[in-house]
Amino acid sequence: MNVENVEKDVEIRIRTENEYKSGASWFYWIAAMSIINEAFLQTHIGWNFAIGLGITQVINVLFRNSIVSSVVTLILSGIFLETS
């Protein structure tokens, strides 16, 4: 291998890693929006973001906006981030 090929391979790898990190940051946003939606719901603000985990909204309906739904939302958001 010559130096030019190695430099090109390193450049491609760096670009790929940056694209991966950029895409992965969306998972953090989705989890954060789920937690913020839960906070809005618990405080009866009346706002809701369209982005977020749909399962947390189902949990809110099942547990009728209790502290249990908040805890489950935090756990599910953590699991979502751990698996991403």
N, C-alpha and C. Protein backbone atom coordinates (compact mmCIF):
# COMPACT_ATOMS: atom_id res chain seq x y z
N MET A 1 0.84 -1.18 0.00
CA MET A 1 0.00 0.00 0.00
C MET A 1 0.88 1.24 0.00
N ASN A 2 0.44 2.19 -0.76
CA ASN A 2 1.19 3.44 -0.74
C ASN A 2 0.51 4.43 0.20
N VAL A 3 1.19 5.52 0.44
CA VAL A 3 0.74 6.51 1.41
C VAL A 3 -0.59 7.14 0.98
N GLU A 4 -0.77 7.37 -0.31
CA GLU A 4 -1.99 8.00 -0.79
C GLU A 4 -3.22 7.14 -0.50
N ASN A 5 -3.09 5.83 -0.68
CA ASN A 5 -4.22 4.94 -0.40
C ASN A 5 -4.55 4.92 1.08
N VAL A 6 -3.53 4.93 1.92
CA VAL A 6 -3.74 4.92 3.36
C VAL A 6 -4.43 6.22 3.79
N GLU A 7 -3.99 7.35 3.27
CA GLU A 7 -4.60 8.63 3.60
C GLU A 7 -6.06 8.67 3.16
N LYS A 8 -6.33 8.12 1.98
CA LYS A 8 -7.70 8.09 1.48
C LYS A 8 -8.57 7.20 2.36
N ASP A 9 -8.05 6.04 2.77
CA ASP A 9 -8.80 5.14 3.64
C ASP A 9 -9.08 5.79 4.99
N VAL A 10 -8.12 6.50 5.54
CA VAL A 10 -8.31 7.18 6.83
C VAL A 10 -9.36 8.28 6.68
N GLU A 11 -9.31 9.02 5.60
CA GLU A 11 -10.29 10.08 5.36
C GLU A 11 -11.69 9.52 5.24
N ILE A 12 -11.84 8.41 4.53
CA ILE A 12 -13.16 7.77 4.39
C ILE A 12 -13.66 7.28 5.74
N ARG A 13 -12.77 6.69 6.53
CA ARG A 13 -13.17 6.19 7.85
C ARG A 13 -13.61 7.32 8.77
N ILE A 14 -12.88 8.42 8.77
CA ILE A 14 -13.24 9.57 9.61
C ILE A 14 -14.58 10.13 9.18
N ARG A 15 -14.81 10.25 7.89
CA ARG A 15 -16.08 10.77 7.38
C ARG A 15 -17.24 9.84 7.77
N THR A 16 -17.02 8.54 7.66
CA THR A 16 -18.05 7.57 8.02
C THR A 16 -18.36 7.64 9.51
N GLU A 17 -17.34 7.75 10.34
CA GLU A 17 -17.56 7.86 11.79
C GLU A 17 -18.31 9.13 12.15
N ASN A 18 -18.00 10.23 11.50
CA ASN A 18 -18.71 11.49 11.76
C ASN A 18 -20.18 11.39 11.35
N GLU A 19 -20.46 10.74 10.23
CA GLU A 19 -21.84 10.55 9.79
C GLU A 19 -22.59 9.64 10.77
N TYR A 20 -21.91 8.63 11.27
CA TYR A 20 -22.53 7.73 12.26
C TYR A 20 -22.89 8.48 13.53
N LYS A 21 -21.97 9.28 14.04
CA LYS A 21 -22.21 10.05 15.26
C LYS A 21 -23.33 11.06 15.05
N SER A 22 -23.38 11.66 13.88
CA SER A 22 -24.43 12.64 13.59
C SER A 22 -25.79 11.97 13.56
N GLY A 23 -25.88 10.80 12.97
CA GLY A 23 -27.14 10.07 12.92
C GLY A 23 -27.55 9.57 14.28
N ALA A 24 -26.59 9.15 15.09
CA ALA A 24 -26.90 8.62 16.42
C ALA A 24 -27.42 9.71 17.35
N SER A 25 -27.07 10.95 17.11
CA SER A 25 -27.54 12.02 17.99
C SER A 25 -29.05 12.18 17.93
N TRP A 26 -29.68 11.72 16.86
CA TRP A 26 -31.14 11.80 16.77
C TRP A 26 -31.80 10.94 17.83
N PHE A 27 -31.17 9.84 18.22
CA PHE A 27 -31.74 8.99 19.26
C PHE A 27 -31.82 9.74 20.58
N TYR A 28 -30.81 10.56 20.87
CA TYR A 28 -30.84 11.36 22.09
C TYR A 28 -31.98 12.37 22.06
N TRP A 29 -32.21 12.98 20.90
CA TRP A 29 -33.29 13.95 20.76
C TRP A 29 -34.65 13.28 20.97
N ILE A 30 -34.82 12.10 20.40
CA ILE A 30 -36.10 11.40 20.54
C ILE A 30 -36.37 11.06 22.00
N ALA A 31 -35.35 10.55 22.70
CA ALA A 31 -35.51 10.22 24.12
C ALA A 31 -35.78 11.48 24.93
N ALA A 32 -35.08 12.55 24.64
CA ALA A 32 -35.29 13.81 25.37
C ALA A 32 -36.69 14.35 25.14
N MET A 33 -37.18 14.29 23.93
CA MET A 33 -38.53 14.77 23.64
C MET A 33 -39.58 13.93 24.36
N SER A 34 -39.34 12.64 24.51
CA SER A 34 -40.27 11.79 25.25
C SER A 34 -40.34 12.22 26.71
N ILE A 35 -39.18 12.52 27.29
CA ILE A 35 -39.14 12.95 28.69
C ILE A 35 -39.78 14.32 28.85
N ILE A 36 -39.53 15.22 27.91
CA ILE A 36 -40.14 16.56 27.97
C ILE A 36 -41.66 16.46 27.79
N ASN A 37 -42.11 15.59 26.88
CA ASN A 37 -43.55 15.38 26.71
C ASN A 37 -44.18 14.89 28.01
N GLU A 38 -43.48 14.00 28.69
CA GLU A 38 -43.99 13.50 29.97
C GLU A 38 -44.07 14.63 30.99
N ALA A 39 -43.07 15.48 31.05
CA ALA A 39 -43.08 16.60 31.99
C ALA A 39 -44.23 17.56 31.67
N PHE A 40 -44.44 17.83 30.40
CA PHE A 40 -45.56 18.69 30.00
C PHE A 40 -46.89 18.07 30.42
N LEU A 41 -47.00 16.78 30.24
CA LEU A 41 -48.24 16.10 30.58
C LEU A 41 -48.50 16.12 32.08
N GLN A 42 -47.46 15.88 32.87
CA GLN A 42 -47.62 15.85 34.32
C GLN A 42 -47.94 17.23 34.90
N THR A 43 -47.44 18.28 34.25
CA THR A 43 -47.69 19.63 34.75
C THR A 43 -48.91 20.28 34.10
N HIS A 44 -49.59 19.55 33.23
CA HIS A 44 -50.82 20.01 32.57
C HIS A 44 -50.61 21.29 31.77
N ILE A 45 -49.46 21.39 31.12
CA ILE A 45 -49.18 22.57 30.29
C ILE A 45 -50.01 22.57 29.02
N GLY A 46 -50.26 21.41 28.48
CA GLY A 46 -51.08 21.32 27.28
C GLY A 46 -50.27 21.30 26.00
N TRP A 47 -48.98 21.24 26.12
CA TRP A 47 -48.12 21.15 24.94
C TRP A 47 -47.72 19.71 24.74
N ASN A 48 -47.33 19.41 23.49
CA ASN A 48 -46.83 18.08 23.17
C ASN A 48 -46.00 18.17 21.90
N PHE A 49 -44.84 17.56 21.91
CA PHE A 49 -44.00 17.51 20.71
C PHE A 49 -44.38 16.29 19.89
N ALA A 50 -44.37 16.44 18.59
CA ALA A 50 -44.71 15.32 17.71
C ALA A 50 -43.63 14.24 17.74
N ILE A 51 -42.41 14.63 18.00
CA ILE A 51 -41.32 13.67 18.04
C ILE A 51 -41.22 13.08 19.44
N GLY A 52 -40.97 11.83 19.52
CA GLY A 52 -40.85 11.14 20.80
C GLY A 52 -41.21 9.67 20.62
N LEU A 53 -41.06 8.92 21.68
CA LEU A 53 -41.40 7.50 21.63
C LEU A 53 -42.91 7.34 21.78
N GLY A 54 -43.52 6.65 20.86
CA GLY A 54 -44.96 6.44 20.91
C GLY A 54 -45.39 5.58 22.08
N ILE A 55 -44.54 4.66 22.50
CA ILE A 55 -44.90 3.77 23.59
C ILE A 55 -45.10 4.55 24.89
N THR A 56 -44.40 5.66 25.05
CA THR A 56 -44.57 6.43 26.28
C THR A 56 -45.95 7.08 26.34
N GLN A 57 -46.50 7.42 25.20
CA GLN A 57 -47.86 7.97 25.18
C GLN A 57 -48.89 6.89 25.53
N VAL A 58 -48.63 5.67 25.08
CA VAL A 58 -49.50 4.56 25.43
C VAL A 58 -49.44 4.32 26.94
N ILE A 59 -48.26 4.38 27.50
CA ILE A 59 -48.07 4.20 28.95
C ILE A 59 -48.84 5.28 29.71
N ASN A 60 -48.79 6.52 29.21
CA ASN A 60 -49.53 7.61 29.86
C ASN A 60 -51.03 7.34 29.91
N VAL A 61 -51.56 6.79 28.84
CA VAL A 61 -52.99 6.48 28.81
C VAL A 61 -53.30 5.32 29.76
N LEU A 62 -52.43 4.30 29.76
CA LEU A 62 -52.68 3.14 30.61
C LEU A 62 -52.61 3.48 32.09
N PHE A 63 -51.65 4.30 32.48
CA PHE A 63 -51.46 4.62 33.89
C PHE A 63 -52.08 5.96 34.29
N ARG A 64 -52.80 6.57 33.38
CA ARG A 64 -53.55 7.80 33.64
C ARG A 64 -52.69 8.91 34.24
N ASN A 65 -51.54 9.13 33.62
CA ASN A 65 -50.66 10.25 33.97
C ASN A 65 -50.22 10.26 35.43
N SER A 66 -49.96 9.11 35.99
CA SER A 66 -49.51 9.01 37.37
C SER A 66 -47.98 9.03 37.41
N ILE A 67 -47.45 8.95 38.61
CA ILE A 67 -46.00 8.89 38.78
C ILE A 67 -45.44 7.63 38.14
N VAL A 68 -46.27 6.59 38.07
CA VAL A 68 -45.84 5.34 37.43
C VAL A 68 -45.52 5.58 35.96
N SER A 69 -46.33 6.38 35.30
CA SER A 69 -46.07 6.66 33.88
C SER A 69 -44.78 7.45 33.72
N SER A 70 -44.46 8.32 34.67
CA SER A 70 -43.21 9.07 34.60
C SER A 70 -42.02 8.15 34.75
N VAL A 71 -42.09 7.25 35.70
CA VAL A 71 -41.00 6.31 35.94
C VAL A 71 -40.81 5.39 34.73
N VAL A 72 -41.91 4.88 34.20
CA VAL A 72 -41.84 4.00 33.04
C VAL A 72 -41.28 4.76 31.83
N THR A 73 -41.66 6.01 31.66
CA THR A 73 -41.13 6.82 30.56
C THR A 73 -39.61 6.98 30.69
N LEU A 74 -39.14 7.26 31.88
CA LEU A 74 -37.69 7.38 32.09
C LEU A 74 -36.97 6.07 31.81
N ILE A 75 -37.55 4.97 32.26
CA ILE A 75 -36.93 3.66 32.03
C ILE A 75 -36.90 3.34 30.54
N LEU A 76 -38.02 3.55 29.85
CA LEU A 76 -38.08 3.26 28.42
C LEU A 76 -37.13 4.15 27.62
N SER A 77 -37.02 5.41 28.00
CA SER A 77 -36.09 6.31 27.31
C SER A 77 -34.66 5.84 27.53
N GLY A 78 -34.35 5.40 28.74
CA GLY A 78 -33.01 4.87 29.01
C GLY A 78 -32.71 3.61 28.22
N ILE A 79 -33.69 2.73 28.14
CA ILE A 79 -33.51 1.51 27.33
C ILE A 79 -33.33 1.87 25.87
N PHE A 80 -34.10 2.83 25.40
CA PHE A 80 -33.99 3.26 24.00
C PHE A 80 -32.59 3.78 23.71
N LEU A 81 -32.04 4.58 24.63
CA LEU A 81 -30.69 5.12 24.43
C LEU A 81 -29.63 4.03 24.54
N GLU A 82 -29.83 3.09 25.44
CA GLU A 82 -28.86 2.02 25.63
C GLU A 82 -28.77 1.12 24.39
N THR A 83 -29.89 0.89 23.74
CA THR A 83 -29.89 0.00 22.57
C THR A 83 -29.46 0.72 21.29
N SER A 84 -29.38 2.04 21.32
CA SER A 84 -29.00 2.76 20.10
C SER A 84 -27.51 2.93 20.02
